[in-house]
Amino acid sequence: MKSVLYGHHAGPNPTKVVMVLEELKIPYEIKLLEFPEMKQPAYEKVNPNGRVPTIEDPNTGITLWESGAVVEYLVEKYDKNGVISFQFDTPESYHAKQWLYFQASGQGPYFGQAVWFKIHHREQLQSAVDRYINEICRVSGVLNGVLQDREYLVGDKCSYADLIFISWFEVVPWAAGDRVDLEKGFPHVHAWLIRLKSRPSVVTGLGGQSEAPKKL
């Protein structure tokens, strides 16, 4: 039976989940929601936070929201052969989780706030714009340093630890304009993203991120 993924056509967080579903060849369907629908009682019964993504897995009866929790669930439940994860209780398995939490706490919120203050906030607060563009650079610098001597974040293969970062990097041009040039300023991140974007799962996932971000 197909899992149901609730998402939004320009949402970086649902995109992460799509990439994992595609990599693991898990059958799924997407229910696209507009922002007002996310705050309606019908959806808040599914996700009380009123955001996306949420996944309903009819094979287990589990409904989960928060993209990091969803990714962790999918790889633990369905990636028994280690396609994009690592054997339980190995250093690599813990290092992958480390990057999952860094993405969820350090990349997504800061990149999202950069978009908010650059594009959506009613007043132009330059100090806020500067703060979050600086955070884009800080997070990119952390990744760039690690990737200078390896192709992927953990082990010698593409894993979910890599995939989860891609969609939020897609908002950088909208949030930072010409103030952040990944190719020049963070060349190892740039090369890593190019490698990752050649994967069919990533092509499929990014297919819904072709327009400017809406409210995140």
N, C-alpha and C. Protein backbone atom coordinates (compact mmCIF):
# COMPACT_ATOMS: atom_id res chain seq x y z
N MET A 1 0.84 -1.20 0.00
CA MET A 1 0.00 0.00 0.00
C MET A 1 0.87 1.24 0.00
N LYS A 2 0.40 2.29 -0.66
CA LYS A 2 1.17 3.51 -0.78
C LYS A 2 1.08 4.36 0.49
N SER A 3 2.23 4.91 0.87
CA SER A 3 2.24 5.92 1.92
C SER A 3 1.70 7.22 1.35
N VAL A 4 1.15 8.06 2.22
CA VAL A 4 0.63 9.36 1.82
C VAL A 4 1.52 10.43 2.43
N LEU A 5 2.07 11.28 1.58
CA LEU A 5 2.91 12.38 2.02
C LEU A 5 2.17 13.69 1.79
N TYR A 6 1.93 14.41 2.86
CA TYR A 6 1.34 15.74 2.74
C TYR A 6 2.47 16.74 2.55
N GLY A 7 2.34 17.55 1.49
CA GLY A 7 3.41 18.49 1.20
C GLY A 7 2.89 19.76 0.58
N HIS A 8 3.85 20.58 0.14
CA HIS A 8 3.54 21.83 -0.54
C HIS A 8 4.47 21.93 -1.73
N HIS A 9 4.01 22.49 -2.83
CA HIS A 9 4.76 22.43 -4.09
C HIS A 9 6.10 23.16 -4.05
N ALA A 10 6.30 24.04 -3.09
CA ALA A 10 7.58 24.74 -3.02
C ALA A 10 8.24 24.56 -1.66
N GLY A 11 7.96 23.44 -1.00
CA GLY A 11 8.46 23.26 0.36
C GLY A 11 9.74 22.48 0.45
N PRO A 12 10.81 23.05 1.01
CA PRO A 12 12.07 22.31 1.16
C PRO A 12 11.96 21.08 2.04
N ASN A 13 11.16 21.13 3.10
CA ASN A 13 11.10 19.99 4.02
C ASN A 13 10.39 18.77 3.42
N PRO A 14 9.24 18.92 2.77
CA PRO A 14 8.68 17.75 2.08
C PRO A 14 9.61 17.20 1.00
N THR A 15 10.37 18.08 0.37
CA THR A 15 11.29 17.65 -0.68
C THR A 15 12.32 16.67 -0.15
N LYS A 16 12.81 16.90 1.06
CA LYS A 16 13.76 15.96 1.68
C LYS A 16 13.16 14.57 1.76
N VAL A 17 11.91 14.50 2.18
CA VAL A 17 11.25 13.21 2.35
C VAL A 17 11.03 12.52 1.00
N VAL A 18 10.67 13.30 -0.02
CA VAL A 18 10.50 12.73 -1.36
C VAL A 18 11.79 12.05 -1.82
N MET A 19 12.92 12.69 -1.60
CA MET A 19 14.18 12.11 -2.03
C MET A 19 14.44 10.77 -1.35
N VAL A 20 14.14 10.69 -0.07
CA VAL A 20 14.35 9.44 0.65
C VAL A 20 13.38 8.36 0.16
N LEU A 21 12.13 8.72 -0.03
CA LEU A 21 11.15 7.77 -0.56
C LEU A 21 11.59 7.24 -1.93
N GLU A 22 12.10 8.13 -2.77
CA GLU A 22 12.56 7.72 -4.10
C GLU A 22 13.78 6.81 -4.01
N GLU A 23 14.73 7.16 -3.17
CA GLU A 23 15.93 6.33 -3.04
C GLU A 23 15.59 4.93 -2.57
N LEU A 24 14.62 4.82 -1.66
CA LEU A 24 14.26 3.51 -1.11
C LEU A 24 13.16 2.81 -1.88
N LYS A 25 12.70 3.47 -2.95
CA LYS A 25 11.66 2.90 -3.81
C LYS A 25 10.41 2.50 -3.02
N ILE A 26 10.03 3.37 -2.10
CA ILE A 26 8.83 3.16 -1.30
C ILE A 26 7.65 3.76 -2.05
N PRO A 27 6.62 3.00 -2.35
CA PRO A 27 5.45 3.57 -3.04
C PRO A 27 4.80 4.66 -2.20
N TYR A 28 4.48 5.77 -2.85
CA TYR A 28 3.87 6.89 -2.12
C TYR A 28 3.04 7.73 -3.07
N GLU A 29 2.16 8.51 -2.49
CA GLU A 29 1.45 9.54 -3.23
C GLU A 29 1.54 10.83 -2.44
N ILE A 30 1.47 11.94 -3.13
CA ILE A 30 1.58 13.24 -2.49
C ILE A 30 0.23 13.94 -2.49
N LYS A 31 -0.15 14.45 -1.33
CA LYS A 31 -1.31 15.33 -1.23
C LYS A 31 -0.80 16.74 -1.02
N LEU A 32 -0.94 17.57 -2.04
CA LEU A 32 -0.45 18.94 -1.96
C LEU A 32 -1.46 19.82 -1.24
N LEU A 33 -0.97 20.62 -0.32
CA LEU A 33 -1.79 21.53 0.44
C LEU A 33 -1.34 22.96 0.19
N GLU A 34 -2.28 23.88 0.13
CA GLU A 34 -1.95 25.30 0.16
C GLU A 34 -1.83 25.72 1.62
N PHE A 35 -1.18 26.85 1.86
CA PHE A 35 -0.91 27.25 3.24
C PHE A 35 -2.18 27.39 4.09
N PRO A 36 -3.26 27.98 3.59
CA PRO A 36 -4.46 28.07 4.44
C PRO A 36 -5.01 26.70 4.86
N GLU A 37 -4.85 25.70 4.00
CA GLU A 37 -5.35 24.37 4.32
C GLU A 37 -4.61 23.74 5.50
N MET A 38 -3.35 24.13 5.67
CA MET A 38 -2.55 23.54 6.75
C MET A 38 -3.05 23.95 8.13
N LYS A 39 -3.79 25.04 8.19
CA LYS A 39 -4.29 25.55 9.47
C LYS A 39 -5.75 25.24 9.69
N GLN A 40 -6.30 24.38 8.86
CA GLN A 40 -7.69 23.97 9.02
C GLN A 40 -7.79 22.75 9.95
N PRO A 41 -8.91 22.62 10.67
CA PRO A 41 -9.06 21.50 11.62
C PRO A 41 -8.82 20.13 11.01
N ALA A 42 -9.24 19.94 9.76
CA ALA A 42 -9.10 18.62 9.14
C ALA A 42 -7.63 18.20 9.08
N TYR A 43 -6.75 19.12 8.69
CA TYR A 43 -5.33 18.76 8.62
C TYR A 43 -4.67 18.79 10.00
N GLU A 44 -5.10 19.69 10.87
CA GLU A 44 -4.50 19.75 12.19
C GLU A 44 -4.79 18.50 13.02
N LYS A 45 -5.80 17.72 12.63
CA LYS A 45 -6.01 16.42 13.26
C LYS A 45 -4.89 15.46 12.88
N VAL A 46 -4.33 15.66 11.71
CA VAL A 46 -3.22 14.82 11.25
C VAL A 46 -1.90 15.35 11.79
N ASN A 47 -1.72 16.66 11.72
CA ASN A 47 -0.51 17.32 12.20
C ASN A 47 -0.90 18.54 13.02
N PRO A 48 -0.86 18.46 14.34
CA PRO A 48 -1.29 19.58 15.16
C PRO A 48 -0.44 20.83 15.00
N ASN A 49 0.75 20.68 14.41
CA ASN A 49 1.60 21.85 14.16
C ASN A 49 1.18 22.61 12.92
N GLY A 50 0.34 22.02 12.08
CA GLY A 50 -0.15 22.72 10.90
C GLY A 50 0.91 23.07 9.88
N ARG A 51 1.88 22.18 9.73
CA ARG A 51 2.94 22.38 8.75
C ARG A 51 3.10 21.10 7.94
N VAL A 52 3.95 21.17 6.94
CA VAL A 52 4.29 19.97 6.18
C VAL A 52 5.80 19.77 6.25
N PRO A 53 6.24 18.48 6.14
CA PRO A 53 5.50 17.31 5.72
C PRO A 53 4.88 16.54 6.89
N THR A 54 3.92 15.72 6.53
CA THR A 54 3.39 14.65 7.38
C THR A 54 3.30 13.41 6.50
N ILE A 55 3.58 12.27 7.08
CA ILE A 55 3.45 11.03 6.31
C ILE A 55 2.51 10.08 7.05
N GLU A 56 1.66 9.43 6.29
CA GLU A 56 0.80 8.36 6.80
C GLU A 56 1.23 7.06 6.13
N ASP A 57 1.67 6.12 6.93
CA ASP A 57 2.13 4.83 6.40
C ASP A 57 1.07 3.78 6.70
N PRO A 58 0.29 3.37 5.70
CA PRO A 58 -0.77 2.39 5.95
C PRO A 58 -0.24 1.00 6.25
N ASN A 59 1.04 0.77 5.95
CA ASN A 59 1.62 -0.55 6.20
C ASN A 59 1.93 -0.77 7.68
N THR A 60 2.09 0.32 8.41
CA THR A 60 2.38 0.21 9.84
C THR A 60 1.33 0.91 10.70
N GLY A 61 0.48 1.72 10.07
CA GLY A 61 -0.50 2.49 10.83
C GLY A 61 0.09 3.71 11.50
N ILE A 62 1.33 4.06 11.16
CA ILE A 62 2.01 5.19 11.79
C ILE A 62 1.81 6.46 10.99
N THR A 63 1.49 7.55 11.68
CA THR A 63 1.46 8.89 11.11
C THR A 63 2.52 9.72 11.82
N LEU A 64 3.38 10.37 11.04
CA LEU A 64 4.48 11.15 11.61
C LEU A 64 4.58 12.51 10.94
N TRP A 65 4.93 13.51 11.72
CA TRP A 65 5.28 14.82 11.18
C TRP A 65 6.63 15.23 11.75
N GLU A 66 7.17 16.32 11.20
CA GLU A 66 8.55 16.77 11.39
C GLU A 66 9.45 15.97 10.45
N SER A 67 10.05 16.67 9.51
CA SER A 67 10.78 15.99 8.44
C SER A 67 11.93 15.14 8.94
N GLY A 68 12.64 15.60 9.97
CA GLY A 68 13.74 14.80 10.50
C GLY A 68 13.26 13.48 11.06
N ALA A 69 12.14 13.52 11.80
CA ALA A 69 11.58 12.29 12.35
C ALA A 69 11.10 11.36 11.25
N VAL A 70 10.53 11.95 10.20
CA VAL A 70 10.04 11.14 9.08
C VAL A 70 11.20 10.45 8.36
N VAL A 71 12.26 11.19 8.10
CA VAL A 71 13.44 10.59 7.45
C VAL A 71 14.02 9.48 8.30
N GLU A 72 14.16 9.73 9.59
CA GLU A 72 14.71 8.72 10.49
C GLU A 72 13.83 7.46 10.49
N TYR A 73 12.54 7.64 10.52
CA TYR A 73 11.61 6.50 10.48
C TYR A 73 11.77 5.70 9.19
N LEU A 74 11.81 6.39 8.07
CA LEU A 74 11.87 5.70 6.78
C LEU A 74 13.13 4.86 6.64
N VAL A 75 14.27 5.42 7.04
CA VAL A 75 15.50 4.65 6.87
C VAL A 75 15.58 3.50 7.88
N GLU A 76 15.07 3.70 9.08
CA GLU A 76 15.12 2.62 10.07
C GLU A 76 14.14 1.50 9.73
N LYS A 77 13.01 1.87 9.16
CA LYS A 77 11.98 0.88 8.86
C LYS A 77 12.21 0.17 7.53
N TYR A 78 12.70 0.92 6.53
CA TYR A 78 12.68 0.39 5.16
C TYR A 78 14.06 0.25 4.52
N ASP A 79 15.11 0.72 5.16
CA ASP A 79 16.43 0.61 4.52
C ASP A 79 17.27 -0.46 5.20
N LYS A 80 16.77 -1.67 5.23
CA LYS A 80 17.47 -2.77 5.89
C LYS A 80 18.77 -3.13 5.19
N ASN A 81 18.87 -2.80 3.89
CA ASN A 81 20.08 -3.14 3.13
C ASN A 81 21.09 -2.00 3.09
N GLY A 82 20.81 -0.92 3.79
CA GLY A 82 21.77 0.18 3.86
C GLY A 82 21.99 0.91 2.56
N VAL A 83 20.92 1.11 1.81
CA VAL A 83 21.05 1.84 0.54
C VAL A 83 21.52 3.27 0.78
N ILE A 84 20.89 3.94 1.73
CA ILE A 84 21.28 5.33 2.05
C ILE A 84 21.50 5.51 3.55
N SER A 85 21.73 4.42 4.25
CA SER A 85 22.00 4.49 5.69
C SER A 85 23.10 3.51 6.02
N PHE A 86 23.30 3.27 7.30
CA PHE A 86 24.43 2.46 7.74
C PHE A 86 23.98 1.45 8.78
N GLN A 87 24.76 0.40 8.92
CA GLN A 87 24.43 -0.65 9.88
C GLN A 87 24.27 -0.06 11.27
N PHE A 88 23.25 -0.52 11.98
CA PHE A 88 22.95 -0.02 13.32
C PHE A 88 24.15 -0.18 14.25
N ASP A 89 24.34 0.80 15.09
CA ASP A 89 25.35 0.78 16.15
C ASP A 89 26.78 0.78 15.61
N THR A 90 26.97 1.40 14.46
CA THR A 90 28.31 1.64 13.95
C THR A 90 28.59 3.14 14.06
N PRO A 91 29.86 3.54 14.01
CA PRO A 91 30.15 4.97 14.05
C PRO A 91 29.43 5.74 12.94
N GLU A 92 29.35 5.13 11.75
CA GLU A 92 28.69 5.79 10.64
C GLU A 92 27.21 6.05 10.92
N SER A 93 26.56 5.12 11.59
CA SER A 93 25.13 5.30 11.87
C SER A 93 24.90 6.49 12.79
N TYR A 94 25.79 6.69 13.74
CA TYR A 94 25.65 7.83 14.65
C TYR A 94 26.07 9.13 13.99
N HIS A 95 27.09 9.07 13.14
CA HIS A 95 27.51 10.27 12.42
C HIS A 95 26.42 10.76 11.48
N ALA A 96 25.70 9.83 10.85
CA ALA A 96 24.59 10.23 9.97
C ALA A 96 23.50 10.95 10.77
N LYS A 97 23.19 10.43 11.96
CA LYS A 97 22.19 11.10 12.80
C LYS A 97 22.69 12.48 13.24
N GLN A 98 23.97 12.58 13.49
CA GLN A 98 24.55 13.87 13.85
C GLN A 98 24.24 14.92 12.78
N TRP A 99 24.43 14.55 11.53
CA TRP A 99 24.14 15.48 10.44
C TRP A 99 22.65 15.73 10.29
N LEU A 100 21.83 14.72 10.55
CA LEU A 100 20.38 14.91 10.51
C LEU A 100 19.95 16.00 11.50
N TYR A 101 20.49 15.95 12.70
CA TYR A 101 20.11 16.93 13.71
C TYR A 101 20.71 18.30 13.41
N PHE A 102 21.90 18.31 12.85
CA PHE A 102 22.49 19.60 12.46
C PHE A 102 21.66 20.26 11.37
N GLN A 103 21.20 19.48 10.42
CA GLN A 103 20.36 20.05 9.36
C GLN A 103 19.06 20.59 9.93
N ALA A 104 18.42 19.80 10.81
CA ALA A 104 17.12 20.19 11.34
C ALA A 104 17.20 21.39 12.27
N SER A 105 18.32 21.54 12.97
CA SER A 105 18.44 22.63 13.94
C SER A 105 19.27 23.79 13.42
N GLY A 106 20.23 23.51 12.54
CA GLY A 106 21.18 24.53 12.14
C GLY A 106 20.99 25.07 10.74
N GLN A 107 20.54 24.23 9.81
CA GLN A 107 20.36 24.72 8.44
C GLN A 107 18.95 25.20 8.18
N GLY A 108 17.98 24.30 8.32
CA GLY A 108 16.60 24.64 7.97
C GLY A 108 16.07 25.90 8.62
N PRO A 109 16.13 26.02 9.96
CA PRO A 109 15.59 27.22 10.59
C PRO A 109 16.28 28.52 10.17
N TYR A 110 17.61 28.48 10.07
CA TYR A 110 18.33 29.70 9.72
C TYR A 110 18.14 30.09 8.26
N PHE A 111 18.17 29.12 7.37
CA PHE A 111 17.93 29.43 5.97
C PHE A 111 16.49 29.92 5.79
N GLY A 112 15.57 29.32 6.53
CA GLY A 112 14.18 29.74 6.45
C GLY A 112 13.98 31.17 6.94
N GLN A 113 14.66 31.53 8.02
CA GLN A 113 14.56 32.90 8.52
C GLN A 113 15.21 33.89 7.55
N ALA A 114 16.25 33.45 6.88
CA ALA A 114 16.86 34.32 5.87
C ALA A 114 15.85 34.65 4.77
N VAL A 115 15.10 33.65 4.33
CA VAL A 115 14.06 33.88 3.33
C VAL A 115 12.99 34.81 3.88
N TRP A 116 12.57 34.56 5.12
CA TRP A 116 11.50 35.36 5.70
C TRP A 116 11.88 36.85 5.74
N PHE A 117 13.03 37.16 6.31
CA PHE A 117 13.40 38.56 6.50
C PHE A 117 13.82 39.23 5.19
N LYS A 118 14.25 38.45 4.23
CA LYS A 118 14.63 39.03 2.94
C LYS A 118 13.42 39.28 2.05
N ILE A 119 12.43 38.37 2.10
CA ILE A 119 11.35 38.40 1.11
C ILE A 119 9.99 38.75 1.70
N HIS A 120 9.66 38.22 2.89
CA HIS A 120 8.28 38.26 3.35
C HIS A 120 8.00 39.25 4.47
N HIS A 121 8.99 39.63 5.25
CA HIS A 121 8.75 40.49 6.40
C HIS A 121 8.28 41.87 5.93
N ARG A 122 7.31 42.42 6.63
CA ARG A 122 6.71 43.69 6.19
C ARG A 122 7.71 44.84 6.19
N GLU A 123 8.61 44.83 7.16
CA GLU A 123 9.64 45.87 7.21
C GLU A 123 10.97 45.26 6.76
N GLN A 124 11.79 46.08 6.15
CA GLN A 124 13.11 45.62 5.76
C GLN A 124 14.07 45.87 6.93
N LEU A 125 14.37 44.84 7.67
CA LEU A 125 15.26 44.92 8.82
C LEU A 125 16.63 44.41 8.42
N GLN A 126 17.51 45.32 8.08
CA GLN A 126 18.80 44.92 7.53
C GLN A 126 19.61 44.10 8.52
N SER A 127 19.49 44.42 9.80
CA SER A 127 20.25 43.65 10.79
C SER A 127 19.81 42.20 10.82
N ALA A 128 18.51 41.95 10.66
CA ALA A 128 18.01 40.57 10.63
C ALA A 128 18.44 39.87 9.35
N VAL A 129 18.34 40.58 8.22
CA VAL A 129 18.80 40.01 6.95
C VAL A 129 20.27 39.62 7.05
N ASP A 130 21.08 40.51 7.60
CA ASP A 130 22.52 40.24 7.72
C ASP A 130 22.77 39.03 8.62
N ARG A 131 22.05 38.98 9.73
CA ARG A 131 22.27 37.87 10.67
C ARG A 131 22.05 36.52 9.98
N TYR A 132 20.96 36.39 9.25
CA TYR A 132 20.63 35.08 8.71
C TYR A 132 21.42 34.76 7.45
N ILE A 133 21.83 35.77 6.70
CA ILE A 133 22.75 35.50 5.60
C ILE A 133 24.11 35.07 6.15
N ASN A 134 24.51 35.67 7.27
CA ASN A 134 25.74 35.21 7.92
C ASN A 134 25.62 33.76 8.38
N GLU A 135 24.43 33.37 8.82
CA GLU A 135 24.23 31.98 9.23
C GLU A 135 24.28 31.03 8.03
N ILE A 136 23.77 31.48 6.88
CA ILE A 136 23.93 30.67 5.67
C ILE A 136 25.41 30.42 5.40
N CYS A 137 26.20 31.46 5.55
CA CYS A 137 27.64 31.32 5.32
C CYS A 137 28.29 30.43 6.37
N ARG A 138 27.86 30.58 7.62
CA ARG A 138 28.44 29.75 8.68
C ARG A 138 28.17 28.27 8.45
N VAL A 139 26.90 27.93 8.19
CA VAL A 139 26.54 26.53 7.94
C VAL A 139 27.26 26.00 6.70
N SER A 140 27.30 26.80 5.66
CA SER A 140 28.00 26.39 4.44
C SER A 140 29.48 26.17 4.72
N GLY A 141 30.05 26.99 5.59
CA GLY A 141 31.46 26.84 5.95
C GLY A 141 31.74 25.56 6.71
N VAL A 142 30.83 25.19 7.61
CA VAL A 142 30.98 23.92 8.34
C VAL A 142 31.02 22.76 7.35
N LEU A 143 30.06 22.74 6.43
CA LEU A 143 29.99 21.66 5.45
C LEU A 143 31.20 21.69 4.52
N ASN A 144 31.60 22.87 4.11
CA ASN A 144 32.72 23.00 3.18
C ASN A 144 34.00 22.44 3.78
N GLY A 145 34.21 22.71 5.07
CA GLY A 145 35.40 22.21 5.72
C GLY A 145 35.44 20.69 5.79
N VAL A 146 34.31 20.10 6.08
CA VAL A 146 34.23 18.64 6.18
C VAL A 146 34.40 18.00 4.80
N LEU A 147 33.83 18.64 3.78
CA LEU A 147 33.84 18.04 2.44
C LEU A 147 35.12 18.28 1.66
N GLN A 148 36.07 18.95 2.23
CA GLN A 148 37.29 19.25 1.48
C GLN A 148 38.13 17.99 1.22
N ASP A 149 37.93 16.95 2.01
CA ASP A 149 38.71 15.73 1.79
C ASP A 149 37.83 14.49 1.64
N ARG A 150 36.55 14.70 1.29
CA ARG A 150 35.66 13.55 1.08
C ARG A 150 34.55 13.95 0.12
N GLU A 151 33.93 12.98 -0.51
CA GLU A 151 32.86 13.26 -1.46
C GLU A 151 31.50 13.37 -0.79
N TYR A 152 31.34 12.65 0.32
CA TYR A 152 30.06 12.63 1.02
C TYR A 152 30.30 12.80 2.51
N LEU A 153 29.25 13.14 3.24
CA LEU A 153 29.43 13.50 4.65
C LEU A 153 29.80 12.31 5.52
N VAL A 154 29.27 11.15 5.22
CA VAL A 154 29.51 9.97 6.06
C VAL A 154 29.90 8.80 5.17
N GLY A 155 30.98 8.11 5.55
CA GLY A 155 31.40 6.95 4.78
C GLY A 155 31.81 7.33 3.37
N ASP A 156 31.74 6.38 2.49
CA ASP A 156 32.16 6.59 1.11
C ASP A 156 30.99 6.51 0.15
N LYS A 157 29.80 6.90 0.62
CA LYS A 157 28.62 6.81 -0.25
C LYS A 157 27.64 7.93 0.07
N CYS A 158 26.77 8.18 -0.88
CA CYS A 158 25.68 9.11 -0.64
C CYS A 158 24.70 8.47 0.34
N SER A 159 24.36 9.19 1.38
CA SER A 159 23.41 8.70 2.37
C SER A 159 22.35 9.77 2.63
N TYR A 160 21.40 9.41 3.49
CA TYR A 160 20.38 10.39 3.83
C TYR A 160 20.99 11.62 4.48
N ALA A 161 22.16 11.47 5.08
CA ALA A 161 22.84 12.61 5.69
C ALA A 161 23.17 13.68 4.66
N ASP A 162 23.42 13.29 3.43
CA ASP A 162 23.68 14.24 2.35
C ASP A 162 22.37 14.79 1.78
N LEU A 163 21.44 13.89 1.52
CA LEU A 163 20.21 14.28 0.81
C LEU A 163 19.42 15.35 1.54
N ILE A 164 19.43 15.31 2.86
CA ILE A 164 18.57 16.21 3.63
C ILE A 164 18.97 17.68 3.51
N PHE A 165 20.19 17.97 3.08
CA PHE A 165 20.64 19.36 2.98
C PHE A 165 20.27 20.03 1.66
N ILE A 166 20.00 19.24 0.64
CA ILE A 166 19.95 19.79 -0.72
C ILE A 166 18.86 20.83 -0.90
N SER A 167 17.65 20.52 -0.47
CA SER A 167 16.52 21.39 -0.81
C SER A 167 16.63 22.76 -0.17
N TRP A 168 17.21 22.83 1.02
CA TRP A 168 17.35 24.16 1.63
C TRP A 168 18.43 25.00 0.95
N PHE A 169 19.42 24.37 0.33
CA PHE A 169 20.39 25.15 -0.44
C PHE A 169 19.74 25.78 -1.67
N GLU A 170 18.62 25.22 -2.12
CA GLU A 170 17.93 25.79 -3.27
C GLU A 170 17.34 27.17 -2.98
N VAL A 171 17.14 27.51 -1.71
CA VAL A 171 16.58 28.82 -1.39
C VAL A 171 17.64 29.90 -1.27
N VAL A 172 18.91 29.53 -1.30
CA VAL A 172 19.97 30.51 -1.08
C VAL A 172 19.92 31.67 -2.07
N PRO A 173 19.72 31.43 -3.38
CA PRO A 173 19.63 32.58 -4.29
C PRO A 173 18.52 33.55 -3.95
N TRP A 174 17.38 33.04 -3.46
CA TRP A 174 16.26 33.91 -3.10
C TRP A 174 16.58 34.69 -1.83
N ALA A 175 17.26 34.04 -0.89
CA ALA A 175 17.50 34.66 0.41
C ALA A 175 18.70 35.60 0.41
N ALA A 176 19.73 35.23 -0.33
CA ALA A 176 21.00 35.95 -0.22
C ALA A 176 21.42 36.68 -1.49
N GLY A 177 20.79 36.38 -2.61
CA GLY A 177 21.18 37.05 -3.85
C GLY A 177 22.65 36.83 -4.16
N ASP A 178 23.31 37.90 -4.55
CA ASP A 178 24.72 37.78 -4.91
C ASP A 178 25.66 37.88 -3.71
N ARG A 179 25.09 37.92 -2.51
CA ARG A 179 25.93 37.98 -1.31
C ARG A 179 26.53 36.62 -0.96
N VAL A 180 25.96 35.55 -1.49
CA VAL A 180 26.50 34.21 -1.25
C VAL A 180 26.68 33.53 -2.60
N ASP A 181 27.93 33.27 -2.94
CA ASP A 181 28.26 32.54 -4.17
C ASP A 181 28.87 31.22 -3.74
N LEU A 182 28.07 30.16 -3.79
CA LEU A 182 28.54 28.87 -3.31
C LEU A 182 29.74 28.37 -4.09
N GLU A 183 29.72 28.59 -5.40
CA GLU A 183 30.82 28.07 -6.23
C GLU A 183 32.15 28.70 -5.84
N LYS A 184 32.15 30.01 -5.62
CA LYS A 184 33.39 30.71 -5.30
C LYS A 184 33.73 30.63 -3.82
N GLY A 185 32.72 30.80 -2.97
CA GLY A 185 32.98 30.87 -1.54
C GLY A 185 33.06 29.53 -0.84
N PHE A 186 32.35 28.54 -1.37
CA PHE A 186 32.29 27.23 -0.73
C PHE A 186 32.38 26.14 -1.81
N PRO A 187 33.53 26.04 -2.45
CA PRO A 187 33.64 25.18 -3.64
C PRO A 187 33.39 23.71 -3.37
N HIS A 188 33.72 23.24 -2.18
CA HIS A 188 33.50 21.82 -1.89
C HIS A 188 32.00 21.54 -1.72
N VAL A 189 31.28 22.48 -1.14
CA VAL A 189 29.82 22.35 -1.05
C VAL A 189 29.21 22.39 -2.44
N HIS A 190 29.68 23.30 -3.26
CA HIS A 190 29.17 23.42 -4.62
C HIS A 190 29.36 22.12 -5.40
N ALA A 191 30.56 21.55 -5.33
CA ALA A 191 30.84 20.30 -6.05
C ALA A 191 30.00 19.15 -5.51
N TRP A 192 29.82 19.11 -4.21
CA TRP A 192 28.98 18.09 -3.56
C TRP A 192 27.54 18.18 -4.04
N LEU A 193 27.01 19.39 -4.08
CA LEU A 193 25.64 19.57 -4.55
C LEU A 193 25.48 19.17 -6.01
N ILE A 194 26.47 19.46 -6.82
CA ILE A 194 26.42 19.05 -8.22
C ILE A 194 26.37 17.53 -8.33
N ARG A 195 27.19 16.84 -7.53
CA ARG A 195 27.17 15.38 -7.53
C ARG A 195 25.79 14.86 -7.13
N LEU A 196 25.25 15.42 -6.07
CA LEU A 196 23.98 14.95 -5.55
C LEU A 196 22.84 15.20 -6.53
N LYS A 197 22.89 16.32 -7.23
CA LYS A 197 21.79 16.68 -8.13
C LYS A 197 21.74 15.82 -9.38
N SER A 198 22.73 14.98 -9.57
CA SER A 198 22.68 14.05 -10.71
C SER A 198 21.87 12.80 -10.39
N ARG A 199 21.49 12.63 -9.14
CA ARG A 199 20.76 11.43 -8.73
C ARG A 199 19.28 11.57 -9.12
N PRO A 200 18.69 10.52 -9.68
CA PRO A 200 17.27 10.61 -10.07
C PRO A 200 16.34 11.01 -8.93
N SER A 201 16.64 10.53 -7.72
CA SER A 201 15.79 10.89 -6.57
C SER A 201 15.79 12.38 -6.31
N VAL A 202 16.94 12.99 -6.51
CA VAL A 202 17.07 14.43 -6.27
C VAL A 202 16.39 15.22 -7.38
N VAL A 203 16.55 14.76 -8.61
CA VAL A 203 15.86 15.41 -9.73
C VAL A 203 14.36 15.40 -9.49
N THR A 204 13.84 14.26 -9.07
CA THR A 204 12.41 14.16 -8.79
C THR A 204 12.01 15.06 -7.63
N GLY A 205 12.78 15.03 -6.57
CA GLY A 205 12.46 15.83 -5.40
C GLY A 205 12.46 17.32 -5.69
N LEU A 206 13.43 17.78 -6.43
CA LEU A 206 13.55 19.21 -6.71
C LEU A 206 12.58 19.68 -7.79
N GLY A 207 11.87 18.76 -8.39
CA GLY A 207 10.92 19.14 -9.43
C GLY A 207 9.83 20.06 -8.95
N GLY A 208 9.54 20.08 -7.65
CA GLY A 208 8.51 20.95 -7.11
C GLY A 208 9.03 22.23 -6.52
N GLN A 209 10.33 22.53 -6.72
CA GLN A 209 10.92 23.72 -6.10
C GLN A 209 11.38 24.72 -7.14
N SER A 210 10.58 24.95 -8.13
CA SER A 210 11.01 25.80 -9.24
C SER A 210 10.62 27.27 -9.08
N GLU A 211 9.91 27.61 -8.02
CA GLU A 211 9.47 28.98 -7.86
C GLU A 211 9.98 29.55 -6.54
N ALA A 212 9.80 30.84 -6.37
CA ALA A 212 10.25 31.51 -5.15
C ALA A 212 9.56 30.90 -3.94
N PRO A 213 10.29 30.80 -2.80
CA PRO A 213 9.69 30.24 -1.61
C PRO A 213 8.51 31.05 -1.11
N LYS A 214 7.50 30.34 -0.64
CA LYS A 214 6.39 30.98 0.07
C LYS A 214 6.74 31.04 1.55
N LYS A 215 5.81 31.46 2.37
CA LYS A 215 6.03 31.54 3.81
C LYS A 215 6.43 30.16 4.33
N LEU A 216 7.52 30.09 5.07
CA LEU A 216 8.08 28.81 5.50
C LEU A 216 7.71 28.50 6.94
